[in-house]
Amino acid sequence: MSDLLFPAEPGRRDLARRLYSLVRDLPLISPHGHVDPGLLADDEPFGDPARLLVVPDHYLTRMLLSQGIPPDRLGVPSRDGTPVEQDPRAIWRLFAENWYLFRGTPSRLWLERTFDTVFGVTTPLNADTADEVYDAVAARLAEPEFRPRALFERFNIEVLATTESPLDDLSRHAKLAADGWGGPGGRVVSTFRPDDVVDMEFDGWAENVARLGEIAGEDTGTYPGYLEALRSRRQAFIAAGATSSDHGHPTARTVALTTAEATALFERGLAGTADAADAETFRAHMLMEFARMSIQDGLVMQLHPGAVRNHNRSLYARHGRDVGGDVPQATGYVHALAPLLEAYGNDPRLRVVLYTLDEDTFSRELAPLAGGYPALYLGAPWWFLDAPDALRRFREAVTETAGFYNTAGFVDDTRAFCSIPVRHEVARRTDAAYLARLVAEGRLPFDEAAETIADLAYHLPKKVFKL
């Protein structure tokens, strides 16, 4: 077994090895991510290596953009249909020539582990080996064993949650259910992500709200009809196996408005007269509404605040959302969440999994909040913090106040299907190293550390997300 990410000190390294061996082969619980459900519904062979591993990965294209290589040279589709590079081998060669840029990054770690453990390719990637590595991965992708469902089985994924808008017709999940893969208790479930019908600053928000009404059969020209449409779509998602909702707001702010105040905001939004302050207040109020809905229908509520979306405006104008143009910001939780927690934080029917992109809040705000309210759990470090050192810092910062059991286990939050087992491997190795330290320092008996690492890797995410 590799000693990747284990302590250098021999005694602690041996403890980490022993702990990791206990969870290495446990099934993967993936309760939140962005894998396209059509991938598994259709079970078509993957395309070429570049379109599988480079083009959709904003971790990679973002770094290359920072060094002056625009996304169009990497095949990232443009919003207006203007030409981008189509030759996958040219994209791959350009990527390989600049592989050195990823030294020390989690992107390099994930991709090298994917090459090795998924594709069996151990040749180091560089400009000279670009074609050799490309051909080796392409040869694997042509084999039946590398189709999506076969890999799903090989990866030992027990449950995979995808993420869809209320405007999605869930037809791909219906196909998965018909094939015995989806639905309540299925291996692939959906997650209710309503940002595009809640955030007034989302492009086409008013049109999205109208479309929501058409799908739900409700009059979303009125605020009560809008709320009813959201409740209706949540029920459709639950029927498709969803156990959680997800809310990607810029801040964690919550506010309790009267019905009249919320109605006035909603109507300004539809009329196109709402300003940025109105949009923020409406988002904050809707978190209260969604908490009430969660208490009623049982969906676990995930809150992912802190990203300034589309900060690189020219990148957004050319290529759209989710291509690497977002940046974290300082995020407050104590005062922002106070209205929601005052109303529902002690209600046993509510479960809120809270994430952050602001490490400064781990010990100052998040751990004390999760350690003081039954409804709150801390989500794993995600996105810019989904890296070995940040995962370690998270454990060091929150465990003393919140313990292990006010956290929700690991969430891979990935669009890159082939990286799922690698993300979980890294998290399990990091937790093994942290727990080995506690054992070596006499702070935790080995048998309790063994129980804890299994809970973090498997039992906690399954329990917290009701899977």
Protein backbone atom coordinates (compact mmCIF):
# COMPACT_ATOMS: atom_id res chain seq x y z
CA MET A 1 0.00 0.00 0.00
CA SER A 2 1.30 3.46 -0.89
CA ASP A 3 2.22 5.85 1.93
CA LEU A 4 0.77 8.80 0.02
CA LEU A 5 -0.22 11.59 2.45
CA PHE A 6 0.82 9.59 5.50
CA PRO A 7 3.11 11.07 8.19
CA ALA A 8 6.88 10.87 7.71
CA GLU A 9 7.48 9.70 11.29
CA PRO A 10 7.57 5.87 11.15
CA GLY A 11 5.36 5.18 14.14
CA ARG A 12 2.57 7.51 13.08
CA ARG A 13 2.95 6.35 9.48
CA ASP A 14 2.34 2.76 10.57
CA LEU A 15 -0.76 3.82 12.51
CA ALA A 16 -2.05 5.71 9.45
CA ARG A 17 -1.49 2.64 7.28
CA ARG A 18 -3.47 0.48 9.69
CA LEU A 19 -6.34 2.97 9.92
CA TYR A 20 -6.52 3.51 6.18
CA SER A 21 -6.57 -0.22 5.54
CA LEU A 22 -9.83 -0.39 7.51
CA VAL A 23 -11.66 2.01 5.16
CA ARG A 24 -9.79 1.64 1.86
CA ASP A 25 -12.38 -0.78 0.47
CA LEU A 26 -15.54 0.63 2.05
CA PRO A 27 -18.22 1.63 -0.48
CA LEU A 28 -18.29 5.27 -1.61
CA ILE A 29 -21.14 7.50 -0.50
CA SER A 30 -21.27 10.54 -2.79
CA PRO A 31 -24.10 12.69 -1.39
CA HIS A 32 -23.45 15.83 -3.40
CA GLY A 33 -21.86 16.33 -6.81
CA HIS A 34 -22.37 17.50 -10.35
CA VAL A 35 -21.94 14.40 -12.50
CA ASP A 36 -24.34 14.50 -15.45
CA PRO A 37 -26.98 11.81 -14.76
CA GLY A 38 -27.23 11.29 -18.52
CA LEU A 39 -23.77 9.76 -18.35
CA LEU A 40 -25.15 6.79 -16.43
CA ALA A 41 -28.64 6.84 -17.92
CA ASP A 42 -27.30 6.44 -21.46
CA ASP A 43 -24.18 4.45 -20.54
CA GLU A 44 -22.45 5.46 -23.75
CA PRO A 45 -18.66 5.10 -24.06
CA PHE A 46 -16.69 8.15 -22.98
CA GLY A 47 -15.25 10.33 -25.70
CA ASP A 48 -11.60 11.15 -26.12
CA PRO A 49 -9.26 11.78 -23.15
CA ALA A 50 -9.19 15.54 -23.67
CA ARG A 51 -12.98 15.94 -23.53
CA LEU A 52 -13.20 13.60 -20.58
CA LEU A 53 -10.37 14.95 -18.43
CA VAL A 54 -9.44 18.47 -19.57
CA VAL A 55 -12.23 20.38 -21.29
CA PRO A 56 -14.86 20.21 -18.49
CA ASP A 57 -12.42 20.57 -15.58
CA HIS A 58 -12.39 24.21 -14.50
CA TYR A 59 -9.60 23.48 -11.99
CA LEU A 60 -7.36 22.76 -14.97
CA THR A 61 -8.58 25.39 -17.42
CA ARG A 62 -8.50 28.07 -14.72
CA MET A 63 -4.80 27.48 -13.98
CA LEU A 64 -3.94 27.52 -17.67
CA LEU A 65 -5.90 30.76 -18.16
CA SER A 66 -3.86 32.33 -15.33
CA GLN A 67 -0.79 31.65 -17.48
CA GLY A 68 -2.28 33.21 -20.59
CA ILE A 69 -3.77 30.13 -22.27
CA PRO A 70 -7.41 30.96 -23.07
CA PRO A 71 -10.16 28.35 -22.67
CA ASP A 72 -10.97 28.34 -26.39
CA ARG A 73 -7.54 26.76 -27.05
CA LEU A 74 -8.57 24.01 -24.61
CA GLY A 75 -11.87 23.31 -26.35
CA VAL A 76 -14.13 24.96 -23.75
CA PRO A 77 -17.39 25.75 -25.60
CA SER A 78 -18.24 29.39 -26.19
CA ARG A 79 -21.61 30.94 -25.36
CA ASP A 80 -22.07 32.50 -28.77
CA GLY A 81 -20.87 29.52 -30.79
CA THR A 82 -17.65 31.15 -31.95
CA PRO A 83 -15.01 28.58 -32.85
CA VAL A 84 -12.89 26.84 -30.21
CA GLU A 85 -10.25 24.15 -30.60
CA GLN A 86 -11.84 20.87 -31.70
CA ASP A 87 -8.79 18.63 -32.11
CA PRO A 88 -8.60 16.58 -28.88
CA ARG A 89 -4.98 15.66 -29.42
CA ALA A 90 -4.02 19.31 -29.86
CA ILE A 91 -5.85 20.14 -26.62
CA TRP A 92 -4.09 17.29 -24.83
CA ARG A 93 -0.65 18.27 -26.11
CA LEU A 94 -1.13 21.87 -24.99
CA PHE A 95 -2.23 20.65 -21.58
CA ALA A 96 0.73 18.27 -21.28
CA GLU A 97 3.22 20.98 -22.26
CA ASN A 98 1.98 23.02 -19.31
CA TRP A 99 1.57 20.19 -16.80
CA TYR A 100 4.41 21.68 -14.73
CA LEU A 101 2.05 24.50 -13.72
CA PHE A 102 0.18 22.06 -11.48
CA ARG A 103 3.13 21.09 -9.29
CA GLY A 104 1.97 20.92 -5.65
CA THR A 105 -1.72 21.34 -6.50
CA PRO A 106 -4.53 18.90 -5.71
CA SER A 107 -5.37 18.88 -9.43
CA ARG A 108 -2.06 17.17 -10.12
CA LEU A 109 -2.58 14.72 -7.28
CA TRP A 110 -6.11 13.82 -8.40
CA LEU A 111 -5.19 13.43 -12.06
CA GLU A 112 -2.05 11.39 -11.47
CA ARG A 113 -4.02 9.07 -9.16
CA THR A 114 -6.73 8.84 -11.82
CA PHE A 115 -4.17 7.90 -14.47
CA ASP A 116 -2.70 5.25 -12.18
CA THR A 117 -5.64 3.74 -10.29
CA VAL A 118 -8.41 4.13 -12.89
CA PHE A 119 -6.57 3.76 -16.21
CA GLY A 120 -3.44 1.88 -15.17
CA VAL A 121 -1.23 4.51 -16.81
CA THR A 122 1.96 5.25 -14.86
CA THR A 123 3.97 7.13 -17.49
CA PRO A 124 4.71 10.65 -16.16
CA LEU A 125 2.89 13.28 -18.19
CA ASN A 126 4.93 15.92 -20.01
CA ALA A 127 5.33 17.34 -23.50
CA ASP A 128 7.39 14.37 -24.67
CA THR A 129 4.95 11.73 -23.36
CA ALA A 130 1.71 13.51 -24.25
CA ASP A 131 0.82 11.21 -27.15
CA GLU A 132 1.84 8.07 -25.26
CA VAL A 133 -0.40 8.91 -22.30
CA TYR A 134 -3.24 10.04 -24.59
CA ASP A 135 -3.13 6.78 -26.55
CA ALA A 136 -3.02 4.67 -23.38
CA VAL A 137 -6.08 6.41 -21.88
CA ALA A 138 -7.91 6.33 -25.23
CA ALA A 139 -7.30 2.58 -25.51
CA ARG A 140 -8.84 2.05 -22.08
CA LEU A 141 -11.87 4.19 -22.94
CA ALA A 142 -12.58 1.92 -25.91
CA GLU A 143 -12.97 -1.11 -23.62
CA PRO A 144 -16.43 -2.15 -22.34
CA GLU A 145 -15.06 -2.17 -18.79
CA PHE A 146 -14.62 1.60 -19.02
CA ARG A 147 -18.19 2.52 -19.83
CA PRO A 148 -19.86 4.63 -17.11
CA ARG A 149 -21.95 1.94 -15.42
CA ALA A 150 -19.08 -0.54 -15.40
CA LEU A 151 -16.83 2.07 -13.79
CA PHE A 152 -19.57 2.92 -11.28
CA GLU A 153 -19.50 -0.72 -10.18
CA ARG A 154 -15.71 -0.86 -10.17
CA PHE A 155 -15.47 2.35 -8.14
CA ASN A 156 -17.68 0.68 -5.50
CA ILE A 157 -20.07 3.64 -5.42
CA GLU A 158 -23.06 2.80 -3.25
CA VAL A 159 -24.96 6.06 -3.80
CA LEU A 160 -24.27 8.96 -6.16
CA ALA A 161 -26.27 12.18 -5.85
CA THR A 162 -26.42 14.46 -8.87
CA THR A 163 -27.66 18.05 -8.82
CA GLU A 164 -30.55 19.41 -10.89
CA SER A 165 -32.59 22.60 -11.20
CA PRO A 166 -36.34 22.59 -10.52
CA LEU A 167 -36.61 23.28 -14.27
CA ASP A 168 -35.10 19.88 -15.09
CA ASP A 169 -37.68 17.34 -16.25
CA LEU A 170 -35.80 14.57 -14.40
CA SER A 171 -36.18 12.31 -17.45
CA ARG A 172 -32.66 10.95 -17.06
CA HIS A 173 -33.44 10.00 -13.48
CA ALA A 174 -36.66 8.38 -14.69
CA LYS A 175 -34.62 6.26 -17.09
CA LEU A 176 -32.23 5.30 -14.31
CA ALA A 177 -35.18 4.32 -12.12
CA ALA A 178 -36.68 2.23 -14.93
CA ASP A 179 -33.33 0.45 -15.26
CA GLY A 180 -33.22 -0.22 -11.52
CA TRP A 181 -30.58 2.41 -10.78
CA GLY A 182 -32.59 5.36 -9.50
CA GLY A 183 -35.57 6.39 -7.42
CA PRO A 184 -35.91 6.26 -3.62
CA GLY A 185 -33.23 3.99 -2.23
CA GLY A 186 -31.56 3.81 -5.65
CA ARG A 187 -27.90 4.06 -6.50
CA VAL A 188 -28.29 7.38 -8.35
CA VAL A 189 -30.47 10.10 -6.84
CA SER A 190 -31.04 13.76 -7.56
CA THR A 191 -30.51 16.89 -5.44
CA PHE A 192 -32.88 19.86 -5.57
CA ARG A 193 -30.86 23.00 -6.51
CA PRO A 194 -33.22 25.99 -6.94
CA ASP A 195 -30.70 28.82 -7.40
CA ASP A 196 -31.83 29.69 -10.92
CA VAL A 197 -35.41 30.33 -9.74
CA VAL A 198 -34.45 32.00 -6.43
CA ASP A 199 -31.56 34.31 -7.26
CA MET A 200 -32.93 37.43 -8.98
CA GLU A 201 -29.42 38.16 -10.28
CA PHE A 202 -29.39 34.90 -12.24
CA ASP A 203 -29.66 35.50 -15.99
CA GLY A 204 -33.26 35.06 -17.10
CA TRP A 205 -34.64 34.78 -13.55
CA ALA A 206 -38.15 36.03 -14.40
CA GLU A 207 -38.35 33.70 -17.39
CA ASN A 208 -37.16 30.83 -15.19
CA VAL A 209 -39.89 31.60 -12.67
CA ALA A 210 -42.49 31.51 -15.44
CA ARG A 211 -41.11 28.19 -16.67
CA LEU A 212 -41.26 26.85 -13.10
CA GLY A 213 -44.97 27.64 -13.07
CA GLU A 214 -45.54 25.86 -16.36
CA ILE A 215 -43.76 22.71 -15.15
CA ALA A 216 -45.50 22.67 -11.76
CA GLY A 217 -48.90 23.76 -13.02
CA GLU A 218 -48.98 26.77 -10.69
CA ASP A 219 -49.37 30.50 -11.20
CA THR A 220 -45.87 31.75 -10.43
CA GLY A 221 -46.92 35.28 -11.30
CA THR A 222 -48.00 35.40 -7.66
CA TYR A 223 -45.82 34.83 -4.62
CA PRO A 224 -48.10 32.14 -3.09
CA GLY A 225 -48.16 30.35 -6.46
CA TYR A 226 -44.37 30.57 -6.63
CA LEU A 227 -43.99 28.92 -3.23
CA GLU A 228 -46.49 26.23 -4.17
CA ALA A 229 -44.59 25.51 -7.38
CA LEU A 230 -41.37 25.04 -5.39
CA ARG A 231 -43.12 22.66 -2.98
CA SER A 232 -44.49 20.71 -5.93
CA ARG A 233 -41.10 20.37 -7.60
CA ARG A 234 -39.52 19.26 -4.31
CA GLN A 235 -42.06 16.43 -4.21
CA ALA A 236 -41.10 15.46 -7.77
CA PHE A 237 -37.45 15.36 -6.73
CA ILE A 238 -38.25 13.25 -3.68
CA ALA A 239 -40.05 10.82 -5.98
CA ALA A 240 -36.82 10.73 -8.02
CA GLY A 241 -34.87 9.72 -4.94
CA ALA A 242 -33.68 13.11 -3.71
CA THR A 243 -32.87 13.30 -0.01
CA SER A 244 -31.41 16.81 0.03
CA SER A 245 -31.63 20.29 -1.40
CA ASP A 246 -28.66 22.56 -2.11
CA HIS A 247 -28.40 26.34 -2.04
CA GLY A 248 -25.39 28.12 -3.52
CA HIS A 249 -25.92 31.66 -2.27
CA PRO A 250 -23.25 34.38 -2.24
CA THR A 251 -23.68 34.77 1.54
CA ALA A 252 -25.18 32.81 4.42
CA ARG A 253 -27.58 35.62 5.28
CA THR A 254 -31.08 34.68 6.43
CA VAL A 255 -33.95 37.03 7.16
CA ALA A 256 -37.58 36.55 8.18
CA LEU A 257 -39.87 38.74 6.08
CA THR A 258 -43.60 39.09 6.40
CA THR A 259 -45.68 37.71 3.55
CA ALA A 260 -46.39 41.26 2.42
CA GLU A 261 -42.69 42.18 2.40
CA ALA A 262 -41.74 39.01 0.51
CA THR A 263 -44.55 39.57 -1.99
CA ALA A 264 -43.39 43.13 -2.69
CA LEU A 265 -39.82 41.92 -3.28
CA PHE A 266 -41.00 39.11 -5.53
CA GLU A 267 -43.12 41.47 -7.61
CA ARG A 268 -40.23 43.92 -8.04
CA GLY A 269 -38.11 41.03 -9.24
CA LEU A 270 -40.65 39.98 -11.86
CA ALA A 271 -41.04 43.60 -12.97
CA GLY A 272 -37.28 43.98 -13.40
CA THR A 273 -37.01 46.79 -10.87
CA ALA A 274 -35.28 44.87 -8.04
CA ASP A 275 -31.76 46.03 -7.17
CA ALA A 276 -28.84 44.07 -5.71
CA ALA A 277 -30.01 44.69 -2.14
CA ASP A 278 -33.45 43.37 -3.04
CA ALA A 279 -31.92 40.25 -4.57
CA GLU A 280 -29.82 39.59 -1.46
CA THR A 281 -32.78 40.07 0.86
CA PHE A 282 -34.97 37.78 -1.23
CA ARG A 283 -32.31 35.05 -1.24
CA ALA A 284 -31.99 35.42 2.54
CA HIS A 285 -35.74 35.15 3.01
CA MET A 286 -35.99 32.12 0.75
CA LEU A 287 -33.53 30.23 2.95
CA MET A 288 -36.10 30.63 5.72
CA GLU A 289 -38.83 29.38 3.39
CA PHE A 290 -36.72 26.39 2.36
CA ALA A 291 -36.02 25.57 6.02
CA ARG A 292 -39.77 25.47 6.61
CA MET A 293 -40.22 23.26 3.57
CA SER A 294 -37.46 20.94 4.78
CA ILE A 295 -39.17 20.55 8.12
CA GLN A 296 -42.30 19.53 6.23
CA ASP A 297 -40.87 17.22 3.56
CA GLY A 298 -37.65 15.99 5.20
CA LEU A 299 -35.08 17.09 2.61
CA VAL A 300 -31.67 17.73 4.15
CA MET A 301 -30.75 21.37 3.49
CA GLN A 302 -27.24 22.09 2.18
CA LEU A 303 -25.92 25.64 2.16
CA HIS A 304 -22.86 26.44 0.01
CA PRO A 305 -22.19 30.18 0.49
CA GLY A 306 -19.16 32.32 -0.16
CA ALA A 307 -18.45 32.25 -3.88
CA VAL A 308 -18.42 35.44 -5.89
CA ARG A 309 -19.76 33.99 -9.10
CA ASN A 310 -18.35 35.00 -12.48
CA HIS A 311 -15.79 37.40 -11.01
CA ASN A 312 -13.86 37.16 -14.29
CA ARG A 313 -16.50 38.90 -16.34
CA SER A 314 -14.80 38.52 -19.71
CA LEU A 315 -14.48 34.78 -19.12
CA TYR A 316 -18.17 34.63 -18.27
CA ALA A 317 -19.12 36.67 -21.33
CA ARG A 318 -17.18 34.32 -23.61
CA HIS A 319 -17.78 30.93 -22.00
CA GLY A 320 -20.55 31.26 -19.39
CA ARG A 321 -20.86 29.87 -15.89
CA ASP A 322 -18.80 27.21 -14.13
CA VAL A 323 -15.62 27.55 -16.19
CA GLY A 324 -13.28 28.84 -13.48
CA GLY A 325 -14.31 32.47 -13.12
CA ASP A 326 -15.51 32.29 -9.51
CA VAL A 327 -13.58 33.54 -6.44
CA PRO A 328 -14.17 32.97 -2.70
CA GLN A 329 -14.96 35.85 -0.37
CA ALA A 330 -14.99 36.40 3.40
CA THR A 331 -18.22 34.93 4.76
CA GLY A 332 -19.92 35.46 8.11
CA TYR A 333 -22.17 32.86 9.73
CA VAL A 334 -22.90 33.80 13.36
CA HIS A 335 -25.08 36.81 12.61
CA ALA A 336 -26.09 35.73 9.11
CA LEU A 337 -27.69 32.48 10.29
CA ALA A 338 -29.13 33.87 13.53
CA PRO A 339 -32.71 34.33 12.23
CA LEU A 340 -32.86 30.80 10.82
CA LEU A 341 -31.29 29.22 13.90
CA GLU A 342 -33.49 31.20 16.27
CA ALA A 343 -36.55 29.91 14.46
CA TYR A 344 -35.52 26.34 13.64
CA GLY A 345 -32.02 25.55 14.94
CA ASN A 346 -33.34 23.34 17.74
CA ASP A 347 -36.02 21.62 15.67
CA PRO A 348 -35.17 17.90 15.37
CA ARG A 349 -36.94 17.74 12.01
CA LEU A 350 -34.45 20.10 10.34
CA ARG A 351 -30.98 19.10 9.18
CA VAL A 352 -28.69 21.75 7.66
CA VAL A 353 -25.25 20.85 6.27
CA LEU A 354 -23.15 24.01 6.18
CA TYR A 355 -20.07 24.58 4.00
CA THR A 356 -17.58 27.39 3.68
CA LEU A 357 -14.88 28.74 1.39
CA ASP A 358 -13.55 30.90 4.25
CA GLU A 359 -11.14 28.88 6.41
CA ASP A 360 -10.97 31.64 9.01
CA THR A 361 -14.48 30.69 10.10
CA PHE A 362 -13.70 27.02 10.86
CA SER A 363 -12.86 27.48 14.54
CA ARG A 364 -14.27 30.96 15.16
CA GLU A 365 -17.82 30.47 13.84
CA LEU A 366 -18.63 27.13 12.25
CA ALA A 367 -17.43 24.69 14.90
CA PRO A 368 -19.14 26.57 17.76
CA LEU A 369 -22.37 26.82 15.77
CA ALA A 370 -22.41 23.14 14.85
CA GLY A 371 -21.45 22.29 18.43
CA GLY A 372 -24.41 24.26 19.75
CA TYR A 373 -27.38 23.61 17.45
CA PRO A 374 -28.90 20.16 16.82
CA ALA A 375 -29.95 21.12 13.28
CA LEU A 376 -26.43 22.01 12.08
CA TYR A 377 -23.71 19.78 10.62
CA LEU A 378 -20.43 20.91 9.07
CA GLY A 379 -19.87 19.89 5.48
CA ALA A 380 -16.46 18.87 4.23
CA PRO A 381 -14.06 21.47 2.80
CA TRP A 382 -15.08 21.94 -0.81
CA TRP A 383 -13.93 23.51 -4.04
CA PHE A 384 -10.91 25.72 -3.31
CA LEU A 385 -10.44 23.93 0.03
CA ASP A 386 -10.84 20.36 -1.27
CA ALA A 387 -7.15 19.55 -0.86
CA PRO A 388 -5.10 17.44 1.59
CA ASP A 389 -3.71 20.32 3.64
CA ALA A 390 -7.08 22.08 3.88
CA LEU A 391 -8.80 18.82 4.85
CA ARG A 392 -6.22 18.42 7.63
CA ARG A 393 -6.63 22.03 8.77
CA PHE A 394 -10.40 21.49 8.89
CA ARG A 395 -10.05 18.56 11.28
CA GLU A 396 -7.55 20.45 13.43
CA ALA A 397 -9.76 23.55 13.59
CA VAL A 398 -13.20 22.08 14.23
CA THR A 399 -12.72 18.82 16.15
CA GLU A 400 -11.95 20.40 19.52
CA THR A 401 -15.27 22.26 19.54
CA ALA A 402 -17.62 20.29 17.26
CA GLY A 403 -16.07 16.83 17.53
CA PHE A 404 -16.29 14.41 14.64
CA TYR A 405 -19.99 13.71 14.86
CA ASN A 406 -21.24 17.21 14.14
CA THR A 407 -19.62 16.90 10.72
CA ALA A 408 -21.18 15.19 7.73
CA GLY A 409 -18.33 13.07 6.40
CA PHE A 410 -16.79 13.61 2.98
CA VAL A 411 -18.50 15.22 -0.03
CA ASP A 412 -16.56 15.03 -3.32
CA ASP A 413 -18.60 17.77 -5.08
CA THR A 414 -17.15 16.86 -8.46
CA ARG A 415 -18.18 17.03 -12.10
CA ALA A 416 -15.33 14.69 -13.05
CA PHE A 417 -16.79 11.19 -12.76
CA CYS A 418 -13.45 9.40 -13.03
CA SER A 419 -12.00 11.38 -10.12
CA ILE A 420 -14.65 10.29 -7.59
CA PRO A 421 -12.70 7.35 -6.13
CA VAL A 422 -9.53 9.45 -6.04
CA ARG A 423 -11.23 12.27 -4.10
CA HIS A 424 -12.49 9.78 -1.52
CA GLU A 425 -9.08 8.10 -1.32
CA VAL A 426 -7.41 11.43 -0.56
CA ALA A 427 -9.98 12.27 2.13
CA ARG A 428 -9.65 8.85 3.76
CA ARG A 429 -5.85 9.03 3.74
CA THR A 430 -5.93 12.52 5.23
CA ASP A 431 -8.28 11.44 8.02
CA ALA A 432 -6.11 8.39 8.66
CA ALA A 433 -3.08 10.66 9.11
CA TYR A 434 -4.98 12.97 11.48
CA LEU A 435 -6.37 10.14 13.58
CA ALA A 436 -2.93 8.49 13.69
CA ARG A 437 -1.62 11.66 15.31
CA LEU A 438 -4.32 11.53 18.00
CA VAL A 439 -3.49 7.89 18.70
CA ALA A 440 0.27 8.54 18.80
CA GLU A 441 -0.24 11.43 21.23
CA GLY A 442 -2.35 9.29 23.54
CA ARG A 443 -5.48 11.33 22.88
CA LEU A 444 -7.55 8.54 21.34
CA PRO A 445 -7.36 4.75 21.68
CA PHE A 446 -6.72 2.91 18.44
CA ASP A 447 -10.03 1.04 18.57
CA GLU A 448 -11.93 4.34 18.81
CA ALA A 449 -9.87 5.82 15.98
CA ALA A 450 -10.74 2.76 13.89
CA GLU A 451 -14.44 3.27 14.58
CA THR A 452 -14.18 7.00 13.88
CA ILE A 453 -12.49 6.69 10.48
CA ALA A 454 -15.17 4.25 9.31
CA ASP A 455 -17.85 6.69 10.46
CA LEU A 456 -16.20 9.61 8.65
CA ALA A 457 -15.69 7.67 5.44
CA TYR A 458 -19.01 5.85 5.23
CA HIS A 459 -21.51 5.85 8.09
CA LEU A 460 -21.79 9.60 8.74
CA PRO A 461 -22.51 10.76 5.17
CA LYS A 462 -24.99 7.92 4.78
CA LYS A 463 -26.76 8.88 8.00
CA VAL A 464 -26.64 12.68 7.72
CA PHE A 465 -27.87 12.72 4.12
CA LYS A 466 -30.50 10.05 4.82
CA LEU A 467 -29.06 7.64 2.26
